[in-house]
PDB file of N, CA and C in Angstrom:
ATOM      1  N   UNK A   1     -11.053  78.442   2.256  1.00  0.00           N
ATOM      2  CA  UNK A   1      -9.801  79.204   2.228  1.00  0.00           C
ATOM      3  C   UNK A   1      -9.671  80.066   3.481  1.00  0.00           C
ATOM      4  N   UNK A   2     -10.751  80.664   3.904  1.00  0.00           N
ATOM      5  CA  UNK A   2     -10.716  81.537   5.061  1.00  0.00           C
ATOM      6  C   UNK A   2     -10.327  80.768   6.324  1.00  0.00           C
ATOM      7  N   UNK A   3     -10.778  79.508   6.451  1.00  0.00           N
ATOM      8  CA  UNK A   3     -10.431  78.704   7.618  1.00  0.00           C
ATOM      9  C   UNK A   3      -8.948  78.375   7.638  1.00  0.00           C
ATOM     10  N   UNK A   4      -8.348  78.174   6.470  1.00  0.00           N
ATOM     11  CA  UNK A   4      -6.917  77.890   6.389  1.00  0.00           C
ATOM     12  C   UNK A   4      -6.119  79.091   6.882  1.00  0.00           C
ATOM     13  N   UNK A   5      -6.483  80.269   6.438  1.00  0.00           N
ATOM     14  CA  UNK A   5      -5.789  81.490   6.861  1.00  0.00           C
ATOM     15  C   UNK A   5      -5.966  81.703   8.359  1.00  0.00           C
ATOM     16  N   UNK A   6      -7.163  81.456   8.864  1.00  0.00           N
ATOM     17  CA  UNK A   6      -7.424  81.622  10.287  1.00  0.00           C
ATOM     18  C   UNK A   6      -6.596  80.633  11.109  1.00  0.00           C
ATOM     19  N   UNK A   7      -6.506  79.381  10.649  1.00  0.00           N
ATOM     20  CA  UNK A   7      -5.718  78.374  11.351  1.00  0.00           C
ATOM     21  C   UNK A   7      -4.246  78.764  11.389  1.00  0.00           C
ATOM     22  N   UNK A   8      -3.718  79.244  10.257  1.00  0.00           N
ATOM     23  CA  UNK A   8      -2.313  79.658  10.222  1.00  0.00           C
ATOM     24  C   UNK A   8      -2.074  80.860  11.131  1.00  0.00           C
ATOM     25  N   UNK A   9      -3.034  81.775  11.185  1.00  0.00           N
ATOM     26  CA  UNK A   9      -2.911  82.929  12.071  1.00  0.00           C
ATOM     27  C   UNK A   9      -2.899  82.521  13.531  1.00  0.00           C
ATOM     28  N   UNK A  10      -3.758  81.573  13.880  1.00  0.00           N
ATOM     29  CA  UNK A  10      -3.795  81.083  15.258  1.00  0.00           C
ATOM     30  C   UNK A  10      -2.505  80.357  15.612  1.00  0.00           C
ATOM     31  N   UNK A  11      -1.999  79.547  14.696  1.00  0.00           N
ATOM     32  CA  UNK A  11      -0.756  78.820  14.916  1.00  0.00           C
ATOM     33  C   UNK A  11       0.414  79.782  15.069  1.00  0.00           C
ATOM     34  N   UNK A  12       0.467  80.791  14.205  1.00  0.00           N
ATOM     35  CA  UNK A  12       1.540  81.776  14.290  1.00  0.00           C
ATOM     36  C   UNK A  12       1.491  82.500  15.636  1.00  0.00           C
ATOM     37  N   UNK A  13       0.306  82.878  16.064  1.00  0.00           N
ATOM     38  CA  UNK A  13       0.158  83.554  17.355  1.00  0.00           C
ATOM     39  C   UNK A  13       0.602  82.675  18.514  1.00  0.00           C
ATOM     40  N   UNK A  14       0.247  81.406  18.469  1.00  0.00           N
ATOM     41  CA  UNK A  14       0.652  80.481  19.524  1.00  0.00           C
ATOM     42  C   UNK A  14       2.169  80.318  19.544  1.00  0.00           C
ATOM     43  N   UNK A  15       2.778  80.235  18.364  1.00  0.00           N
ATOM     44  CA  UNK A  15       4.238  80.100  18.298  1.00  0.00           C
ATOM     45  C   UNK A  15       4.940  81.350  18.805  1.00  0.00           C
ATOM     46  N   UNK A  16       4.373  82.509  18.544  1.00  0.00           N
ATOM     47  CA  UNK A  16       4.978  83.743  19.061  1.00  0.00           C
ATOM     48  C   UNK A  16       4.898  83.781  20.592  1.00  0.00           C
ATOM     49  N   UNK A  17       3.813  83.258  21.163  1.00  0.00           N
ATOM     50  CA  UNK A  17       3.719  83.185  22.621  1.00  0.00           C
ATOM     51  C   UNK A  17       4.749  82.208  23.182  1.00  0.00           C
ATOM     52  N   UNK A  18       4.943  81.084  22.498  1.00  0.00           N
ATOM     53  CA  UNK A  18       5.955  80.114  22.923  1.00  0.00           C
ATOM     54  C   UNK A  18       7.349  80.721  22.773  1.00  0.00           C
ATOM     55  N   UNK A  19       7.552  81.494  21.718  1.00  0.00           N
ATOM     56  CA  UNK A  19       8.840  82.182  21.537  1.00  0.00           C
ATOM     57  C   UNK A  19       9.113  83.110  22.717  1.00  0.00           C
ATOM     58  N   UNK A  20       8.096  83.792  23.182  1.00  0.00           N
ATOM     59  CA  UNK A  20       8.284  84.696  24.316  1.00  0.00           C
ATOM     60  C   UNK A  20       8.633  83.925  25.585  1.00  0.00           C
ATOM     61  N   UNK A  21       8.038  82.746  25.766  1.00  0.00           N
ATOM     62  CA  UNK A  21       8.418  81.901  26.904  1.00  0.00           C
ATOM     63  C   UNK A  21       9.895  81.521  26.821  1.00  0.00           C
ATOM     64  N   UNK A  22      10.363  81.218  25.631  1.00  0.00           N
ATOM     65  CA  UNK A  22      11.772  80.895  25.428  1.00  0.00           C
ATOM     66  C   UNK A  22      12.656  82.101  25.751  1.00  0.00           C
ATOM     67  N   UNK A  23      12.275  83.250  25.243  1.00  0.00           N
ATOM     68  CA  UNK A  23      13.076  84.456  25.466  1.00  0.00           C
ATOM     69  C   UNK A  23      13.103  84.861  26.935  1.00  0.00           C
ATOM     70  N   UNK A  24      12.033  84.535  27.656  1.00  0.00           N
ATOM     71  CA  UNK A  24      11.968  84.828  29.089  1.00  0.00           C
ATOM     72  C   UNK A  24      12.667  83.773  29.929  1.00  0.00           C
ATOM     73  N   UNK A  25      13.171  82.720  29.287  1.00  0.00           N
ATOM     74  CA  UNK A  25      13.881  81.673  30.001  1.00  0.00           C
ATOM     75  C   UNK A  25      12.977  80.637  30.643  1.00  0.00           C
ATOM     76  N   UNK A  26      11.716  80.613  30.273  1.00  0.00           N
ATOM     77  CA  UNK A  26      10.777  79.666  30.863  1.00  0.00           C
ATOM     78  C   UNK A  26      10.865  78.280  30.223  1.00  0.00           C
ATOM     79  N   UNK A  27      11.292  78.204  28.960  1.00  0.00           N
ATOM     80  CA  UNK A  27      11.520  76.916  28.302  1.00  0.00           C
ATOM     81  C   UNK A  27      12.896  76.957  27.651  1.00  0.00           C
ATOM     82  N   UNK A  28      13.488  75.792  27.458  1.00  0.00           N
ATOM     83  CA  UNK A  28      14.841  75.754  26.892  1.00  0.00           C
ATOM     84  C   UNK A  28      14.805  75.871  25.365  1.00  0.00           C
ATOM     85  N   UNK A  29      15.961  76.146  24.799  1.00  0.00           N
ATOM     86  CA  UNK A  29      16.079  76.333  23.360  1.00  0.00           C
ATOM     87  C   UNK A  29      15.752  75.092  22.554  1.00  0.00           C
ATOM     88  N   UNK A  30      16.159  73.915  23.056  1.00  0.00           N
ATOM     89  CA  UNK A  30      15.883  72.710  22.270  1.00  0.00           C
ATOM     90  C   UNK A  30      14.393  72.386  22.250  1.00  0.00           C
ATOM     91  N   UNK A  31      13.685  72.711  23.315  1.00  0.00           N
ATOM     92  CA  UNK A  31      12.230  72.504  23.320  1.00  0.00           C
ATOM     93  C   UNK A  31      11.578  73.437  22.314  1.00  0.00           C
ATOM     94  N   UNK A  32      12.008  74.686  22.312  1.00  0.00           N
ATOM     95  CA  UNK A  32      11.454  75.667  21.372  1.00  0.00           C
ATOM     96  C   UNK A  32      11.720  75.249  19.928  1.00  0.00           C
ATOM     97  N   UNK A  33      12.943  74.820  19.637  1.00  0.00           N
ATOM     98  CA  UNK A  33      13.267  74.376  18.276  1.00  0.00           C
ATOM     99  C   UNK A  33      12.461  73.151  17.869  1.00  0.00           C
ATOM    100  N   UNK A  34      12.251  72.218  18.802  1.00  0.00           N
ATOM    101  CA  UNK A  34      11.452  71.032  18.488  1.00  0.00           C
ATOM    102  C   UNK A  34      10.002  71.402  18.185  1.00  0.00           C
ATOM    103  N   UNK A  35       9.455  72.341  18.910  1.00  0.00           N
ATOM    104  CA  UNK A  35       8.095  72.802  18.640  1.00  0.00           C
ATOM    105  C   UNK A  35       8.025  73.431  17.254  1.00  0.00           C
ATOM    106  N   UNK A  36       9.016  74.246  16.921  1.00  0.00           N
ATOM    107  CA  UNK A  36       9.034  74.873  15.600  1.00  0.00           C
ATOM    108  C   UNK A  36       9.166  73.846  14.487  1.00  0.00           C
ATOM    109  N   UNK A  37       9.981  72.818  14.700  1.00  0.00           N
ATOM    110  CA  UNK A  37      10.147  71.780  13.677  1.00  0.00           C
ATOM    111  C   UNK A  37       8.840  71.050  13.404  1.00  0.00           C
ATOM    112  N   UNK A  38       8.010  70.911  14.434  1.00  0.00           N
ATOM    113  CA  UNK A  38       6.709  70.260  14.258  1.00  0.00           C
ATOM    114  C   UNK A  38       5.790  71.081  13.360  1.00  0.00           C
ATOM    115  N   UNK A  39       5.987  72.389  13.315  1.00  0.00           N
ATOM    116  CA  UNK A  39       5.082  73.281  12.586  1.00  0.00           C
ATOM    117  C   UNK A  39       5.681  73.819  11.294  1.00  0.00           C
ATOM    118  N   UNK A  40       6.873  73.364  10.905  1.00  0.00           N
ATOM    119  CA  UNK A  40       7.536  73.977   9.756  1.00  0.00           C
ATOM    120  C   UNK A  40       6.836  73.724   8.427  1.00  0.00           C
ATOM    121  N   UNK A  41       5.950  72.750   8.348  1.00  0.00           N
ATOM    122  CA  UNK A  41       5.203  72.514   7.115  1.00  0.00           C
ATOM    123  C   UNK A  41       4.085  73.534   6.918  1.00  0.00           C
ATOM    124  N   UNK A  42       3.612  74.106   8.020  1.00  0.00           N
ATOM    125  CA  UNK A  42       2.452  74.985   7.962  1.00  0.00           C
ATOM    126  C   UNK A  42       2.791  76.468   8.077  1.00  0.00           C
ATOM    127  N   UNK A  43       3.901  76.782   8.707  1.00  0.00           N
ATOM    128  CA  UNK A  43       4.275  78.172   8.997  1.00  0.00           C
ATOM    129  C   UNK A  43       5.737  78.387   8.606  1.00  0.00           C
ATOM    130  N   UNK A  44       6.053  79.590   8.133  1.00  0.00           N
ATOM    131  CA  UNK A  44       7.441  79.954   7.854  1.00  0.00           C
ATOM    132  C   UNK A  44       8.136  80.221   9.181  1.00  0.00           C
ATOM    133  N   UNK A  45       8.982  79.288   9.611  1.00  0.00           N
ATOM    134  CA  UNK A  45       9.592  79.407  10.929  1.00  0.00           C
ATOM    135  C   UNK A  45      10.834  80.295  10.947  1.00  0.00           C
ATOM    136  N   UNK A  46      11.219  80.830   9.814  1.00  0.00           N
ATOM    137  CA  UNK A  46      12.427  81.662   9.776  1.00  0.00           C
ATOM    138  C   UNK A  46      12.235  83.006  10.473  1.00  0.00           C
ATOM    139  N   UNK A  47      11.017  83.345  10.847  1.00  0.00           N
ATOM    140  CA  UNK A  47      10.775  84.622  11.520  1.00  0.00           C
ATOM    141  C   UNK A  47      10.950  84.524  13.025  1.00  0.00           C
ATOM    142  N   UNK A  48      11.247  83.324  13.543  1.00  0.00           N
ATOM    143  CA  UNK A  48      11.398  83.139  14.976  1.00  0.00           C
ATOM    144  C   UNK A  48      12.868  83.155  15.365  1.00  0.00           C
ATOM    145  N   UNK A  49      13.167  83.723  16.511  1.00  0.00           N
ATOM    146  CA  UNK A  49      14.535  83.864  17.000  1.00  0.00           C
ATOM    147  C   UNK A  49      14.864  82.743  17.976  1.00  0.00           C
ATOM    148  N   UNK A  50      16.122  82.306  17.966  1.00  0.00           N
ATOM    149  CA  UNK A  50      16.536  81.192  18.824  1.00  0.00           C
ATOM    150  C   UNK A  50      17.467  81.575  19.953  1.00  0.00           C
ATOM    151  N   UNK A  51      18.354  82.482  19.761  1.00  0.00           N
ATOM    152  CA  UNK A  51      19.408  82.715  20.728  1.00  0.00           C
ATOM    153  C   UNK A  51      19.158  84.003  21.499  1.00  0.00           C
ATOM    154  N   UNK A  52      18.734  83.894  22.752  1.00  0.00           N
ATOM    155  CA  UNK A  52      18.395  85.085  23.534  1.00  0.00           C
ATOM    156  C   UNK A  52      19.624  85.937  23.841  1.00  0.00           C
ATOM    157  N   UNK A  53      20.830  85.337  23.945  1.00  0.00           N
ATOM    158  CA  UNK A  53      22.041  86.124  24.155  1.00  0.00           C
ATOM    159  C   UNK A  53      22.297  87.030  22.955  1.00  0.00           C
ATOM    160  N   UNK A  54      22.123  86.485  21.747  1.00  0.00           N
ATOM    161  CA  UNK A  54      22.305  87.286  20.547  1.00  0.00           C
ATOM    162  C   UNK A  54      21.214  88.334  20.402  1.00  0.00           C
ATOM    163  N   UNK A  55      20.025  88.046  20.896  1.00  0.00           N
ATOM    164  CA  UNK A  55      18.949  89.031  20.830  1.00  0.00           C
ATOM    165  C   UNK A  55      19.320  90.276  21.626  1.00  0.00           C
ATOM    166  N   UNK A  56      19.959  90.082  22.770  1.00  0.00           N
ATOM    167  CA  UNK A  56      20.343  91.223  23.593  1.00  0.00           C
ATOM    168  C   UNK A  56      21.415  92.061  22.894  1.00  0.00           C
ATOM    169  N   UNK A  57      22.268  91.430  22.082  1.00  0.00           N
ATOM    170  CA  UNK A  57      23.296  92.139  21.341  1.00  0.00           C
ATOM    171  C   UNK A  57      22.764  92.689  20.016  1.00  0.00           C
ATOM    172  N   UNK A  58      21.559  92.239  19.632  1.00  0.00           N
ATOM    173  CA  UNK A  58      21.003  92.666  18.352  1.00  0.00           C
ATOM    174  C   UNK A  58      21.470  91.817  17.185  1.00  0.00           C
ATOM    175  N   UNK A  59      22.048  90.641  17.472  1.00  0.00           N
ATOM    176  CA  UNK A  59      22.563  89.764  16.428  1.00  0.00           C
ATOM    177  C   UNK A  59      21.866  88.419  16.472  1.00  0.00           C
ATOM    178  N   UNK A  60      20.558  88.412  16.523  1.00  0.00           N
ATOM    179  CA  UNK A  60      19.809  87.166  16.670  1.00  0.00           C
ATOM    180  C   UNK A  60      19.850  86.342  15.387  1.00  0.00           C
ATOM    181  N   UNK A  61      19.855  85.033  15.557  1.00  0.00           N
ATOM    182  CA  UNK A  61      19.785  84.123  14.424  1.00  0.00           C
ATOM    183  C   UNK A  61      18.417  83.464  14.417  1.00  0.00           C
ATOM    184  N   UNK A  62      18.051  82.920  13.292  1.00  0.00           N
ATOM    185  CA  UNK A  62      16.749  82.267  13.195  1.00  0.00           C
ATOM    186  C   UNK A  62      16.852  80.812  13.628  1.00  0.00           C
ATOM    187  N   UNK A  63      15.716  80.220  13.949  1.00  0.00           N
ATOM    188  CA  UNK A  63      15.674  78.855  14.465  1.00  0.00           C
ATOM    189  C   UNK A  63      15.499  77.846  13.357  1.00  0.00           C
ATOM    190  N   UNK A  64      16.482  77.711  12.509  1.00  0.00           N
ATOM    191  CA  UNK A  64      16.342  76.747  11.421  1.00  0.00           C
ATOM    192  C   UNK A  64      17.365  75.628  11.517  1.00  0.00           C
ATOM    193  N   UNK A  65      18.185  75.618  12.560  1.00  0.00           N
ATOM    194  CA  UNK A  65      19.185  74.553  12.685  1.00  0.00           C
ATOM    195  C   UNK A  65      18.493  73.246  12.963  1.00  0.00           C
TER     196      UNK A  65
END
């Protein structure tokens, strides 16, 4: 059980780093969404933001499209 929690924690951390690359404009939105879709069975992806323009306005949407 402990290894499962550790794996999910590592995956979540990696996705948050990829999210930051997206927010910094280093990767495009469709690449970020595709990466999230690959991990949606293991991690709750609703906590990740997709639209950097909306983030600046404070109206960010989640990446579930």
